[in-house]
Amino acid sequence: MSEASFPAYVVTTDYRWTDRAYDLLEAQELTVKPHNEDTAPCFVVSGRCPRCDHHLVDRQVTVALTGMAGASRGSNGDPQEAVVLDVTCGCGTAHQDAPTGVTGCGVSFRIELTAE
């Protein structure tokens, strides 16, 4: 992708980017790896941004939800713990129309992981 064809900066949470992120996860072009800091467990999301295709790395503390209505059930019938990661592109590229000093294309997407 040439620099001229980079998508302009747009703040968006459109579901299609979450859907594309799952496709990238399945293709292993976007990865999620656990990483334990001294204070709390966290995850590192890295790989292609679902909107601009630039490489991003996002580190965040775990947010775990249990007993949610409609949550997945484990083999014993108990609700499974879900880890929700809200990721924003921080690819390091200054996209057209981005506010001064802001890098990334502006997209935010969600990844939900079910603990086994």
PDB file of N, CA and C in Angstrom:
ATOM      1  N   MET A   1       0.848  -1.170   0.000  1.00  0.00           N
ATOM      2  CA  MET A   1       0.000   0.000   0.000  1.00  0.00           C
ATOM      3  C   MET A   1       0.891   1.229   0.000  1.00  0.00           C
ATOM      4  N   SER A   2       0.732   2.104  -0.954  1.00  0.00           N
ATOM      5  CA  SER A   2       1.550   3.310  -1.008  1.00  0.00           C
ATOM      6  C   SER A   2       1.035   4.311   0.010  1.00  0.00           C
ATOM      7  N   GLU A   3       1.914   5.244   0.414  1.00  0.00           N
ATOM      8  CA  GLU A   3       1.522   6.231   1.418  1.00  0.00           C
ATOM      9  C   GLU A   3       0.303   7.010   0.978  1.00  0.00           C
ATOM     10  N   ALA A   4       0.190   7.302  -0.330  1.00  0.00           N
ATOM     11  CA  ALA A   4      -0.945   8.055  -0.844  1.00  0.00           C
ATOM     12  C   ALA A   4      -2.252   7.281  -0.679  1.00  0.00           C
ATOM     13  N   SER A   5      -2.173   5.943  -0.589  1.00  0.00           N
ATOM     14  CA  SER A   5      -3.395   5.154  -0.477  1.00  0.00           C
ATOM     15  C   SER A   5      -3.727   4.768   0.966  1.00  0.00           C
ATOM     16  N   PHE A   6      -2.951   5.259   1.949  1.00  0.00           N
ATOM     17  CA  PHE A   6      -3.303   5.003   3.343  1.00  0.00           C
ATOM     18  C   PHE A   6      -4.677   5.602   3.593  1.00  0.00           C
ATOM     19  N   PRO A   7      -5.519   4.908   4.356  1.00  0.00           N
ATOM     20  CA  PRO A   7      -6.810   5.518   4.668  1.00  0.00           C
ATOM     21  C   PRO A   7      -6.616   6.740   5.565  1.00  0.00           C
ATOM     22  N   ALA A   8      -7.428   7.749   5.365  1.00  0.00           N
ATOM     23  CA  ALA A   8      -7.373   8.947   6.197  1.00  0.00           C
ATOM     24  C   ALA A   8      -7.808   8.596   7.617  1.00  0.00           C
ATOM     25  N   TYR A   9      -7.379   9.391   8.568  1.00  0.00           N
ATOM     26  CA  TYR A   9      -7.739   9.203   9.970  1.00  0.00           C
ATOM     27  C   TYR A   9      -9.240   9.433  10.136  1.00  0.00           C
ATOM     28  N   VAL A  10      -9.907   8.458  10.719  1.00  0.00           N
ATOM     29  CA  VAL A  10     -11.335   8.560  11.037  1.00  0.00           C
ATOM     30  C   VAL A  10     -11.561   7.800  12.338  1.00  0.00           C
ATOM     31  N   VAL A  11     -12.167   8.436  13.315  1.00  0.00           N
ATOM     32  CA  VAL A  11     -12.513   7.740  14.550  1.00  0.00           C
ATOM     33  C   VAL A  11     -13.735   6.887  14.245  1.00  0.00           C
ATOM     34  N   THR A  12     -13.572   5.571  14.330  1.00  0.00           N
ATOM     35  CA  THR A  12     -14.662   4.659  14.020  1.00  0.00           C
ATOM     36  C   THR A  12     -14.595   3.416  14.885  1.00  0.00           C
ATOM     37  N   THR A  13     -15.767   2.927  15.249  1.00  0.00           N
ATOM     38  CA  THR A  13     -15.889   1.654  15.967  1.00  0.00           C
ATOM     39  C   THR A  13     -16.825   0.735  15.197  1.00  0.00           C
ATOM     40  N   ASP A  14     -16.957   0.968  13.905  1.00  0.00           N
ATOM     41  CA  ASP A  14     -17.847   0.160  13.069  1.00  0.00           C
ATOM     42  C   ASP A  14     -17.524  -1.324  13.265  1.00  0.00           C
ATOM     43  N   TYR A  15     -18.568  -2.137  13.413  1.00  0.00           N
ATOM     44  CA  TYR A  15     -18.389  -3.557  13.699  1.00  0.00           C
ATOM     45  C   TYR A  15     -17.580  -4.285  12.631  1.00  0.00           C
ATOM     46  N   ARG A  16     -17.572  -3.789  11.405  1.00  0.00           N
ATOM     47  CA  ARG A  16     -16.827  -4.494  10.351  1.00  0.00           C
ATOM     48  C   ARG A  16     -15.344  -4.612  10.693  1.00  0.00           C
ATOM     49  N   TRP A  17     -14.819  -3.676  11.511  1.00  0.00           N
ATOM     50  CA  TRP A  17     -13.395  -3.753  11.872  1.00  0.00           C
ATOM     51  C   TRP A  17     -13.163  -4.834  12.924  1.00  0.00           C
ATOM     52  N   THR A  18     -14.123  -5.047  13.805  1.00  0.00           N
ATOM     53  CA  THR A  18     -14.052  -6.165  14.746  1.00  0.00           C
ATOM     54  C   THR A  18     -14.138  -7.477  13.984  1.00  0.00           C
ATOM     55  N   ASP A  19     -15.049  -7.532  13.026  1.00  0.00           N
ATOM     56  CA  ASP A  19     -15.207  -8.728  12.198  1.00  0.00           C
ATOM     57  C   ASP A  19     -13.913  -9.018  11.426  1.00  0.00           C
ATOM     58  N   ARG A  20     -13.310  -7.975  10.864  1.00  0.00           N
ATOM     59  CA  ARG A  20     -12.047  -8.157  10.126  1.00  0.00           C
ATOM     60  C   ARG A  20     -10.920  -8.569  11.073  1.00  0.00           C
ATOM     61  N   ALA A  21     -10.919  -8.042  12.298  1.00  0.00           N
ATOM     62  CA  ALA A  21      -9.897  -8.428  13.277  1.00  0.00           C
ATOM     63  C   ALA A  21      -9.975  -9.925  13.566  1.00  0.00           C
ATOM     64  N   TYR A  22     -11.192 -10.476  13.668  1.00  0.00           N
ATOM     65  CA  TYR A  22     -11.332 -11.922  13.882  1.00  0.00           C
ATOM     66  C   TYR A  22     -10.784 -12.702  12.690  1.00  0.00           C
ATOM     67  N   ASP A  23     -11.012 -12.201  11.472  1.00  0.00           N
ATOM     68  CA  ASP A  23     -10.440 -12.855  10.293  1.00  0.00           C
ATOM     69  C   ASP A  23      -8.912 -12.847  10.365  1.00  0.00           C
ATOM     70  N   LEU A  24      -8.335 -11.713  10.775  1.00  0.00           N
ATOM     71  CA  LEU A  24      -6.877 -11.614  10.900  1.00  0.00           C
ATOM     72  C   LEU A  24      -6.355 -12.524  12.003  1.00  0.00           C
ATOM     73  N   LEU A  25      -7.109 -12.668  13.096  1.00  0.00           N
ATOM     74  CA  LEU A  25      -6.714 -13.595  14.162  1.00  0.00           C
ATOM     75  C   LEU A  25      -6.693 -15.027  13.649  1.00  0.00           C
ATOM     76  N   GLU A  26      -7.718 -15.404  12.902  1.00  0.00           N
ATOM     77  CA  GLU A  26      -7.778 -16.759  12.353  1.00  0.00           C
ATOM     78  C   GLU A  26      -6.633 -17.025  11.387  1.00  0.00           C
ATOM     79  N   ALA A  27      -6.235 -16.003  10.630  1.00  0.00           N
ATOM     80  CA  ALA A  27      -5.141 -16.135   9.676  1.00  0.00           C
ATOM     81  C   ALA A  27      -3.773 -15.965  10.353  1.00  0.00           C
ATOM     82  N   GLN A  28      -3.767 -15.718  11.661  1.00  0.00           N
ATOM     83  CA  GLN A  28      -2.571 -15.485  12.461  1.00  0.00           C
ATOM     84  C   GLN A  28      -1.774 -14.270  11.981  1.00  0.00           C
ATOM     85  N   GLU A  29      -2.483 -13.295  11.401  1.00  0.00           N
ATOM     86  CA  GLU A  29      -1.856 -12.035  11.006  1.00  0.00           C
ATOM     87  C   GLU A  29      -2.050 -10.978  12.089  1.00  0.00           C
ATOM     88  N   LEU A  30      -2.831 -11.318  13.098  1.00  0.00           N
ATOM     89  CA  LEU A  30      -3.027 -10.524  14.301  1.00  0.00           C
ATOM     90  C   LEU A  30      -2.974 -11.537  15.438  1.00  0.00           C
ATOM     91  N   THR A  31      -2.193 -11.248  16.465  1.00  0.00           N
ATOM     92  CA  THR A  31      -2.038 -12.210  17.555  1.00  0.00           C
ATOM     93  C   THR A  31      -2.357 -11.557  18.899  1.00  0.00           C
ATOM     94  N   VAL A  32      -2.757 -12.383  19.844  1.00  0.00           N
ATOM     95  CA  VAL A  32      -3.001 -11.950  21.215  1.00  0.00           C
ATOM     96  C   VAL A  32      -2.214 -12.885  22.109  1.00  0.00           C
ATOM     97  N   LYS A  33      -1.311 -12.307  22.891  1.00  0.00           N
ATOM     98  CA  LYS A  33      -0.482 -13.122  23.780  1.00  0.00           C
ATOM     99  C   LYS A  33      -0.585 -12.592  25.201  1.00  0.00           C
ATOM    100  N   PRO A  34      -0.763 -13.494  26.169  1.00  0.00           N
ATOM    101  CA  PRO A  34      -0.781 -13.051  27.567  1.00  0.00           C
ATOM    102  C   PRO A  34       0.607 -12.599  27.998  1.00  0.00           C
ATOM    103  N   HIS A  35       0.634 -11.625  28.879  1.00  0.00           N
ATOM    104  CA  HIS A  35       1.892 -11.109  29.407  1.00  0.00           C
ATOM    105  C   HIS A  35       1.612 -10.644  30.826  1.00  0.00           C
ATOM    106  N   ASN A  36       2.351 -11.120  31.782  1.00  0.00           N
ATOM    107  CA  ASN A  36       2.127 -10.732  33.176  1.00  0.00           C
ATOM    108  C   ASN A  36       3.095  -9.636  33.583  1.00  0.00           C
ATOM    109  N   GLU A  37       2.529  -8.493  33.936  1.00  0.00           N
ATOM    110  CA  GLU A  37       3.311  -7.407  34.515  1.00  0.00           C
ATOM    111  C   GLU A  37       3.411  -7.687  36.011  1.00  0.00           C
ATOM    112  N   ASP A  38       4.165  -6.881  36.728  1.00  0.00           N
ATOM    113  CA  ASP A  38       4.312  -7.077  38.167  1.00  0.00           C
ATOM    114  C   ASP A  38       2.990  -6.898  38.909  1.00  0.00           C
ATOM    115  N   THR A  39       2.143  -6.014  38.429  1.00  0.00           N
ATOM    116  CA  THR A  39       0.924  -5.683  39.165  1.00  0.00           C
ATOM    117  C   THR A  39      -0.310  -6.439  38.702  1.00  0.00           C
ATOM    118  N   ALA A  40      -0.434  -6.718  37.410  1.00  0.00           N
ATOM    119  CA  ALA A  40      -1.654  -7.356  36.909  1.00  0.00           C
ATOM    120  C   ALA A  40      -1.381  -8.050  35.582  1.00  0.00           C
ATOM    121  N   PRO A  41      -2.134  -9.120  35.302  1.00  0.00           N
ATOM    122  CA  PRO A  41      -1.971  -9.771  34.003  1.00  0.00           C
ATOM    123  C   PRO A  41      -2.459  -8.845  32.888  1.00  0.00           C
ATOM    124  N   CYS A  42      -1.828  -8.944  31.743  1.00  0.00           N
ATOM    125  CA  CYS A  42      -2.251  -8.139  30.606  1.00  0.00           C
ATOM    126  C   CYS A  42      -2.073  -8.948  29.327  1.00  0.00           C
ATOM    127  N   PHE A  43      -2.514  -8.386  28.226  1.00  0.00           N
ATOM    128  CA  PHE A  43      -2.376  -9.019  26.921  1.00  0.00           C
ATOM    129  C   PHE A  43      -1.683  -8.052  25.981  1.00  0.00           C
ATOM    130  N   VAL A  44      -0.956  -8.628  25.031  1.00  0.00           N
ATOM    131  CA  VAL A  44      -0.325  -7.840  23.981  1.00  0.00           C
ATOM    132  C   VAL A  44      -0.952  -8.275  22.658  1.00  0.00           C
ATOM    133  N   VAL A  45      -1.586  -7.322  21.983  1.00  0.00           N
ATOM    134  CA  VAL A  45      -2.177  -7.555  20.664  1.00  0.00           C
ATOM    135  C   VAL A  45      -1.199  -6.973  19.654  1.00  0.00           C
ATOM    136  N   SER A  46      -0.796  -7.781  18.665  1.00  0.00           N
ATOM    137  CA  SER A  46       0.128  -7.262  17.661  1.00  0.00           C
ATOM    138  C   SER A  46      -0.174  -7.874  16.296  1.00  0.00           C
ATOM    139  N   GLY A  47       0.173  -7.123  15.272  1.00  0.00           N
ATOM    140  CA  GLY A  47      -0.046  -7.576  13.903  1.00  0.00           C
ATOM    141  C   GLY A  47      -0.675  -6.487  13.057  1.00  0.00           C
ATOM    142  N   ARG A  48      -1.367  -6.913  12.020  1.00  0.00           N
ATOM    143  CA  ARG A  48      -1.966  -5.971  11.065  1.00  0.00           C
ATOM    144  C   ARG A  48      -3.211  -5.299  11.633  1.00  0.00           C
ATOM    145  N   CYS A  49      -3.291  -3.999  11.455  1.00  0.00           N
ATOM    146  CA  CYS A  49      -4.506  -3.267  11.799  1.00  0.00           C
ATOM    147  C   CYS A  49      -5.592  -3.682  10.804  1.00  0.00           C
ATOM    148  N   PRO A  50      -6.817  -3.960  11.274  1.00  0.00           N
ATOM    149  CA  PRO A  50      -7.866  -4.390  10.354  1.00  0.00           C
ATOM    150  C   PRO A  50      -8.314  -3.298   9.378  1.00  0.00           C
ATOM    151  N   ARG A  51      -8.005  -2.045   9.661  1.00  0.00           N
ATOM    152  CA  ARG A  51      -8.420  -0.969   8.757  1.00  0.00           C
ATOM    153  C   ARG A  51      -7.294  -0.503   7.839  1.00  0.00           C
ATOM    154  N   CYS A  52      -6.120  -0.194   8.392  1.00  0.00           N
ATOM    155  CA  CYS A  52      -5.057   0.387   7.564  1.00  0.00           C
ATOM    156  C   CYS A  52      -3.964  -0.602   7.182  1.00  0.00           C
ATOM    157  N   ASP A  53      -3.987  -1.811   7.753  1.00  0.00           N
ATOM    158  CA  ASP A  53      -3.007  -2.861   7.478  1.00  0.00           C
ATOM    159  C   ASP A  53      -1.598  -2.568   7.985  1.00  0.00           C
ATOM    160  N   HIS A  54      -1.388  -1.470   8.706  1.00  0.00           N
ATOM    161  CA  HIS A  54      -0.079  -1.207   9.293  1.00  0.00           C
ATOM    162  C   HIS A  54       0.100  -2.075  10.528  1.00  0.00           C
ATOM    163  N   HIS A  55       1.348  -2.280  10.921  1.00  0.00           N
ATOM    164  CA  HIS A  55       1.645  -3.072  12.112  1.00  0.00           C
ATOM    165  C   HIS A  55       1.310  -2.260  13.362  1.00  0.00           C
ATOM    166  N   LEU A  56       0.600  -2.889  14.285  1.00  0.00           N
ATOM    167  CA  LEU A  56       0.290  -2.237  15.557  1.00  0.00           C
ATOM    168  C   LEU A  56       0.666  -3.149  16.704  1.00  0.00           C
ATOM    169  N   VAL A  57       0.928  -2.537  17.846  1.00  0.00           N
ATOM    170  CA  VAL A  57       1.159  -3.268  19.090  1.00  0.00           C
ATOM    171  C   VAL A  57       0.350  -2.541  20.157  1.00  0.00           C
ATOM    172  N   ASP A  58      -0.518  -3.282  20.838  1.00  0.00           N
ATOM    173  CA  ASP A  58      -1.371  -2.697  21.866  1.00  0.00           C
ATOM    174  C   ASP A  58      -1.235  -3.547  23.120  1.00  0.00           C
ATOM    175  N   ARG A  59      -0.847  -2.921  24.231  1.00  0.00           N
ATOM    176  CA  ARG A  59      -0.706  -3.619  25.503  1.00  0.00           C
ATOM    177  C   ARG A  59      -1.776  -3.098  26.450  1.00  0.00           C
ATOM    178  N   GLN A  60      -2.459  -4.015  27.127  1.00  0.00           N
ATOM    179  CA  GLN A  60      -3.482  -3.567  28.062  1.00  0.00           C
ATOM    180  C   GLN A  60      -3.708  -4.558  29.184  1.00  0.00           C
ATOM    181  N   VAL A  61      -4.179  -4.020  30.292  1.00  0.00           N
ATOM    182  CA  VAL A  61      -4.504  -4.818  31.468  1.00  0.00           C
ATOM    183  C   VAL A  61      -5.783  -5.585  31.168  1.00  0.00           C
ATOM    184  N   THR A  62      -5.860  -6.788  31.687  1.00  0.00           N
ATOM    185  CA  THR A  62      -7.000  -7.665  31.476  1.00  0.00           C
ATOM    186  C   THR A  62      -8.262  -7.125  32.125  1.00  0.00           C
ATOM    187  N   VAL A  63      -9.370  -7.219  31.381  1.00  0.00           N
ATOM    188  CA  VAL A  63     -10.699  -6.950  31.920  1.00  0.00           C
ATOM    189  C   VAL A  63     -11.450  -8.259  31.785  1.00  0.00           C
ATOM    190  N   ALA A  64     -11.787  -8.891  32.900  1.00  0.00           N
ATOM    191  CA  ALA A  64     -12.461 -10.188  32.857  1.00  0.00           C
ATOM    192  C   ALA A  64     -13.895 -10.039  33.321  1.00  0.00           C
ATOM    193  N   LEU A  65     -14.806 -10.678  32.604  1.00  0.00           N
ATOM    194  CA  LEU A  65     -16.222 -10.656  32.934  1.00  0.00           C
ATOM    195  C   LEU A  65     -16.692 -12.083  33.116  1.00  0.00           C
ATOM    196  N   THR A  66     -17.435 -12.344  34.172  1.00  0.00           N
ATOM    197  CA  THR A  66     -17.963 -13.690  34.381  1.00  0.00           C
ATOM    198  C   THR A  66     -19.463 -13.614  34.605  1.00  0.00           C
ATOM    199  N   GLY A  67     -20.140 -14.722  34.316  1.00  0.00           N
ATOM    200  CA  GLY A  67     -21.565 -14.818  34.580  1.00  0.00           C
ATOM    201  C   GLY A  67     -22.417 -13.895  33.738  1.00  0.00           C
ATOM    202  N   MET A  68     -21.948 -13.495  32.572  1.00  0.00           N
ATOM    203  CA  MET A  68     -22.712 -12.598  31.708  1.00  0.00           C
ATOM    204  C   MET A  68     -23.900 -13.347  31.110  1.00  0.00           C
ATOM    205  N   ALA A  69     -25.018 -12.652  30.930  1.00  0.00           N
ATOM    206  CA  ALA A  69     -26.169 -13.254  30.254  1.00  0.00           C
ATOM    207  C   ALA A  69     -25.741 -13.644  28.854  1.00  0.00           C
ATOM    208  N   GLY A  70     -26.029 -14.864  28.466  1.00  0.00           N
ATOM    209  CA  GLY A  70     -25.657 -15.333  27.140  1.00  0.00           C
ATOM    210  C   GLY A  70     -24.198 -15.735  27.022  1.00  0.00           C
ATOM    211  N   ALA A  71     -23.484 -15.738  28.142  1.00  0.00           N
ATOM    212  CA  ALA A  71     -22.063 -16.096  28.099  1.00  0.00           C
ATOM    213  C   ALA A  71     -21.900 -17.559  27.711  1.00  0.00           C
ATOM    214  N   SER A  72     -20.764 -17.864  27.164  1.00  0.00           N
ATOM    215  CA  SER A  72     -20.447 -19.251  26.824  1.00  0.00           C
ATOM    216  C   SER A  72     -20.408 -20.087  28.093  1.00  0.00           C
ATOM    217  N   ARG A  73     -20.690 -21.355  27.937  1.00  0.00           N
ATOM    218  CA  ARG A  73     -20.650 -22.267  29.069  1.00  0.00           C
ATOM    219  C   ARG A  73     -19.520 -23.262  28.861  1.00  0.00           C
ATOM    220  N   GLY A  74     -18.813 -23.558  29.931  1.00  0.00           N
ATOM    221  CA  GLY A  74     -17.760 -24.556  29.876  1.00  0.00           C
ATOM    222  C   GLY A  74     -18.360 -25.949  29.826  1.00  0.00           C
ATOM    223  N   SER A  75     -17.508 -26.949  29.744  1.00  0.00           N
ATOM    224  CA  SER A  75     -17.971 -28.337  29.653  1.00  0.00           C
ATOM    225  C   SER A  75     -18.746 -28.770  30.899  1.00  0.00           C
ATOM    226  N   ASN A  76     -18.527 -28.083  32.027  1.00  0.00           N
ATOM    227  CA  ASN A  76     -19.257 -28.417  33.252  1.00  0.00           C
ATOM    228  C   ASN A  76     -20.540 -27.601  33.403  1.00  0.00           C
ATOM    229  N   GLY A  77     -20.874 -26.769  32.426  1.00  0.00           N
ATOM    230  CA  GLY A  77     -22.100 -25.980  32.454  1.00  0.00           C
ATOM    231  C   GLY A  77     -21.962 -24.624  33.120  1.00  0.00           C
ATOM    232  N   ASP A  78     -20.819 -24.363  33.746  1.00  0.00           N
ATOM    233  CA  ASP A  78     -20.603 -23.069  34.390  1.00  0.00           C
ATOM    234  C   ASP A  78     -20.271 -22.002  33.347  1.00  0.00           C
ATOM    235  N   PRO A  79     -20.642 -20.739  33.620  1.00  0.00           N
ATOM    236  CA  PRO A  79     -20.272 -19.669  32.684  1.00  0.00           C
ATOM    237  C   PRO A  79     -18.752 -19.577  32.571  1.00  0.00           C
ATOM    238  N   GLN A  80     -18.266 -19.360  31.357  1.00  0.00           N
ATOM    239  CA  GLN A  80     -16.827 -19.193  31.156  1.00  0.00           C
ATOM    240  C   GLN A  80     -16.462 -17.728  31.316  1.00  0.00           C
ATOM    241  N   GLU A  81     -15.241 -17.506  31.715  1.00  0.00           N
ATOM    242  CA  GLU A  81     -14.727 -16.155  31.842  1.00  0.00           C
ATOM    243  C   GLU A  81     -14.377 -15.629  30.455  1.00  0.00           C
ATOM    244  N   ALA A  82     -14.794 -14.408  30.162  1.00  0.00           N
ATOM    245  CA  ALA A  82     -14.457 -13.784  28.883  1.00  0.00           C
ATOM    246  C   ALA A  82     -13.518 -12.617  29.139  1.00  0.00           C
ATOM    247  N   VAL A  83     -12.497 -12.513  28.329  1.00  0.00           N
ATOM    248  CA  VAL A  83     -11.571 -11.396  28.392  1.00  0.00           C
ATOM    249  C   VAL A  83     -11.899 -10.492  27.213  1.00  0.00           C
ATOM    250  N   VAL A  84     -12.220  -9.233  27.511  1.00  0.00           N
ATOM    251  CA  VAL A  84     -12.604  -8.277  26.485  1.00  0.00           C
ATOM    252  C   VAL A  84     -11.459  -7.289  26.292  1.00  0.00           C
ATOM    253  N   LEU A  85     -10.969  -7.195  25.063  1.00  0.00           N
ATOM    254  CA  LEU A  85      -9.891  -6.266  24.728  1.00  0.00           C
ATOM    255  C   LEU A  85     -10.416  -5.264  23.716  1.00  0.00           C
ATOM    256  N   ASP A  86     -10.444  -3.993  24.088  1.00  0.00           N
ATOM    257  CA  ASP A  86     -10.808  -2.931  23.157  1.00  0.00           C
ATOM    258  C   ASP A  86      -9.510  -2.315  22.658  1.00  0.00           C
ATOM    259  N   VAL A  87      -9.241  -2.495  21.381  1.00  0.00           N
ATOM    260  CA  VAL A  87      -7.970  -2.114  20.779  1.00  0.00           C
ATOM    261  C   VAL A  87      -8.172  -0.909  19.864  1.00  0.00           C
ATOM    262  N   THR A  88      -7.267   0.047  19.934  1.00  0.00           N
ATOM    263  CA  THR A  88      -7.269   1.203  19.046  1.00  0.00           C
ATOM    264  C   THR A  88      -5.973   1.197  18.259  1.00  0.00           C
ATOM    265  N   CYS A  89      -6.072   1.471  16.960  1.00  0.00           N
ATOM    266  CA  CYS A  89      -4.881   1.467  16.110  1.00  0.00           C
ATOM    267  C   CYS A  89      -3.868   2.484  16.635  1.00  0.00           C
ATOM    268  N   GLY A  90      -2.688   2.005  16.868  1.00  0.00           N
ATOM    269  CA  GLY A  90      -1.565   2.844  17.272  1.00  0.00           C
ATOM    270  C   GLY A  90      -0.370   2.472  16.419  1.00  0.00           C
ATOM    271  N   CYS A  91      -0.586   2.436  15.114  1.00  0.00           N
ATOM    272  CA  CYS A  91       0.411   1.903  14.186  1.00  0.00           C
ATOM    273  C   CYS A  91       1.659   2.771  14.065  1.00  0.00           C
ATOM    274  N   GLY A  92       1.610   3.982  14.577  1.00  0.00           N
ATOM    275  CA  GLY A  92       2.788   4.839  14.490  1.00  0.00           C
ATOM    276  C   GLY A  92       2.861   5.648  13.217  1.00  0.00           C
ATOM    277  N   THR A  93       1.897   5.473  12.316  1.00  0.00           N
ATOM    278  CA  THR A  93       1.865   6.231  11.070  1.00  0.00           C
ATOM    279  C   THR A  93       0.927   7.417  11.233  1.00  0.00           C
ATOM    280  N   ALA A  94       1.371   8.589  10.808  1.00  0.00           N
ATOM    281  CA  ALA A  94       0.510   9.773  10.829  1.00  0.00           C
ATOM    282  C   ALA A  94      -0.380   9.725   9.589  1.00  0.00           C
ATOM    283  N   HIS A  95      -1.650   9.458   9.795  1.00  0.00           N
ATOM    284  CA  HIS A  95      -2.600   9.393   8.688  1.00  0.00           C
ATOM    285  C   HIS A  95      -3.142  10.792   8.378  1.00  0.00           C
ATOM    286  N   GLN A  96      -3.501  10.994   7.130  1.00  0.00           N
ATOM    287  CA  GLN A  96      -4.087  12.264   6.695  1.00  0.00           C
ATOM    288  C   GLN A  96      -5.298  12.579   7.570  1.00  0.00           C
ATOM    289  N   ASP A  97      -5.478  13.838   7.917  1.00  0.00           N
ATOM    290  CA  ASP A  97      -6.589  14.359   8.726  1.00  0.00           C
ATOM    291  C   ASP A  97      -6.498  13.997  10.207  1.00  0.00           C
ATOM    292  N   ALA A  98      -5.403  13.372  10.637  1.00  0.00           N
ATOM    293  CA  ALA A  98      -5.235  13.061  12.065  1.00  0.00           C
ATOM    294  C   ALA A  98      -4.921  14.350  12.827  1.00  0.00           C
ATOM    295  N   PRO A  99      -5.392  14.447  14.068  1.00  0.00           N
ATOM    296  CA  PRO A  99      -5.015  15.597  14.892  1.00  0.00           C
ATOM    297  C   PRO A  99      -3.492  15.650  15.053  1.00  0.00           C
ATOM    298  N   THR A 100      -2.959  16.816  15.265  1.00  0.00           N
ATOM    299  CA  THR A 100      -1.524  17.003  15.428  1.00  0.00           C
ATOM    300  C   THR A 100      -0.987  16.086  16.524  1.00  0.00           C
ATOM    301  N   GLY A 101       0.062  15.362  16.199  1.00  0.00           N
ATOM    302  CA  GLY A 101       0.718  14.486  17.159  1.00  0.00           C
ATOM    303  C   GLY A 101       0.068  13.129  17.338  1.00  0.00           C
ATOM    304  N   VAL A 102      -1.006  12.847  16.613  1.00  0.00           N
ATOM    305  CA  VAL A 102      -1.712  11.571  16.741  1.00  0.00           C
ATOM    306  C   VAL A 102      -1.291  10.636  15.618  1.00  0.00           C
ATOM    307  N   THR A 103      -0.945   9.402  15.981  1.00  0.00           N
ATOM    308  CA  THR A 103      -0.643   8.391  14.976  1.00  0.00           C
ATOM    309  C   THR A 103      -1.709   7.308  15.028  1.00  0.00           C
ATOM    310  N   GLY A 104      -1.812   6.542  13.977  1.00  0.00           N
ATOM    311  CA  GLY A 104      -2.849   5.517  13.870  1.00  0.00           C
ATOM    312  C   GLY A 104      -3.963   6.010  12.974  1.00  0.00           C
ATOM    313  N   CYS A 105      -4.784   5.087  12.518  1.00  0.00           N
ATOM    314  CA  CYS A 105      -5.852   5.442  11.569  1.00  0.00           C
ATOM    315  C   CYS A 105      -7.165   5.816  12.238  1.00  0.00           C
ATOM    316  N   GLY A 106      -7.262   5.657  13.573  1.00  0.00           N
ATOM    317  CA  GLY A 106      -8.454   6.054  14.304  1.00  0.00           C
ATOM    318  C   GLY A 106      -9.421   4.930  14.608  1.00  0.00           C
ATOM    319  N   VAL A 107      -9.195   3.752  14.045  1.00  0.00           N
ATOM    320  CA  VAL A 107     -10.122   2.638  14.253  1.00  0.00           C
ATOM    321  C   VAL A 107      -9.966   2.042  15.653  1.00  0.00           C
ATOM    322  N   SER A 108     -11.088   1.628  16.213  1.00  0.00           N
ATOM    323  CA  SER A 108     -11.098   0.839  17.442  1.00  0.00           C
ATOM    324  C   SER A 108     -11.929  -0.397  17.176  1.00  0.00           C
ATOM    325  N   PHE A 109     -11.475  -1.525  17.711  1.00  0.00           N
ATOM    326  CA  PHE A 109     -12.182  -2.779  17.504  1.00  0.00           C
ATOM    327  C   PHE A 109     -12.093  -3.604  18.777  1.00  0.00           C
ATOM    328  N   ARG A 110     -12.939  -4.618  18.874  1.00  0.00           N
ATOM    329  CA  ARG A 110     -13.009  -5.439  20.082  1.00  0.00           C
ATOM    330  C   ARG A 110     -12.598  -6.868  19.777  1.00  0.00           C
ATOM    331  N   ILE A 111     -11.850  -7.435  20.702  1.00  0.00           N
ATOM    332  CA  ILE A 111     -11.504  -8.850  20.658  1.00  0.00           C
ATOM    333  C   ILE A 111     -12.002  -9.455  21.966  1.00  0.00           C
ATOM    334  N   GLU A 112     -12.773 -10.530  21.877  1.00  0.00           N
ATOM    335  CA  GLU A 112     -13.227 -11.252  23.068  1.00  0.00           C
ATOM    336  C   GLU A 112     -12.585 -12.626  23.064  1.00  0.00           C
ATOM    337  N   LEU A 113     -11.950 -12.964  24.155  1.00  0.00           N
ATOM    338  CA  LEU A 113     -11.332 -14.262  24.317  1.00  0.00           C
ATOM    339  C   LEU A 113     -12.048 -15.011  25.420  1.00  0.00           C
ATOM    340  N   THR A 114     -12.265 -16.280  25.212  1.00  0.00           N
ATOM    341  CA  THR A 114     -12.885 -17.101  26.235  1.00  0.00           C
ATOM    342  C   THR A 114     -11.801 -17.924  26.903  1.00  0.00           C
ATOM    343  N   ALA A 115     -11.710 -17.815  28.222  1.00  0.00           N
ATOM    344  CA  ALA A 115     -10.722 -18.581  28.965  1.00  0.00           C
ATOM    345  C   ALA A 115     -11.133 -20.036  28.975  1.00  0.00           C
ATOM    346  N   GLU A 116     -10.183 -20.899  28.754  1.00  0.00           N
ATOM    347  CA  GLU A 116     -10.454 -22.354  28.768  1.00  0.00           C
ATOM    348  C   GLU A 116     -10.287 -22.889  30.147  1.00  0.00           C
TER     349      GLU A 116
END
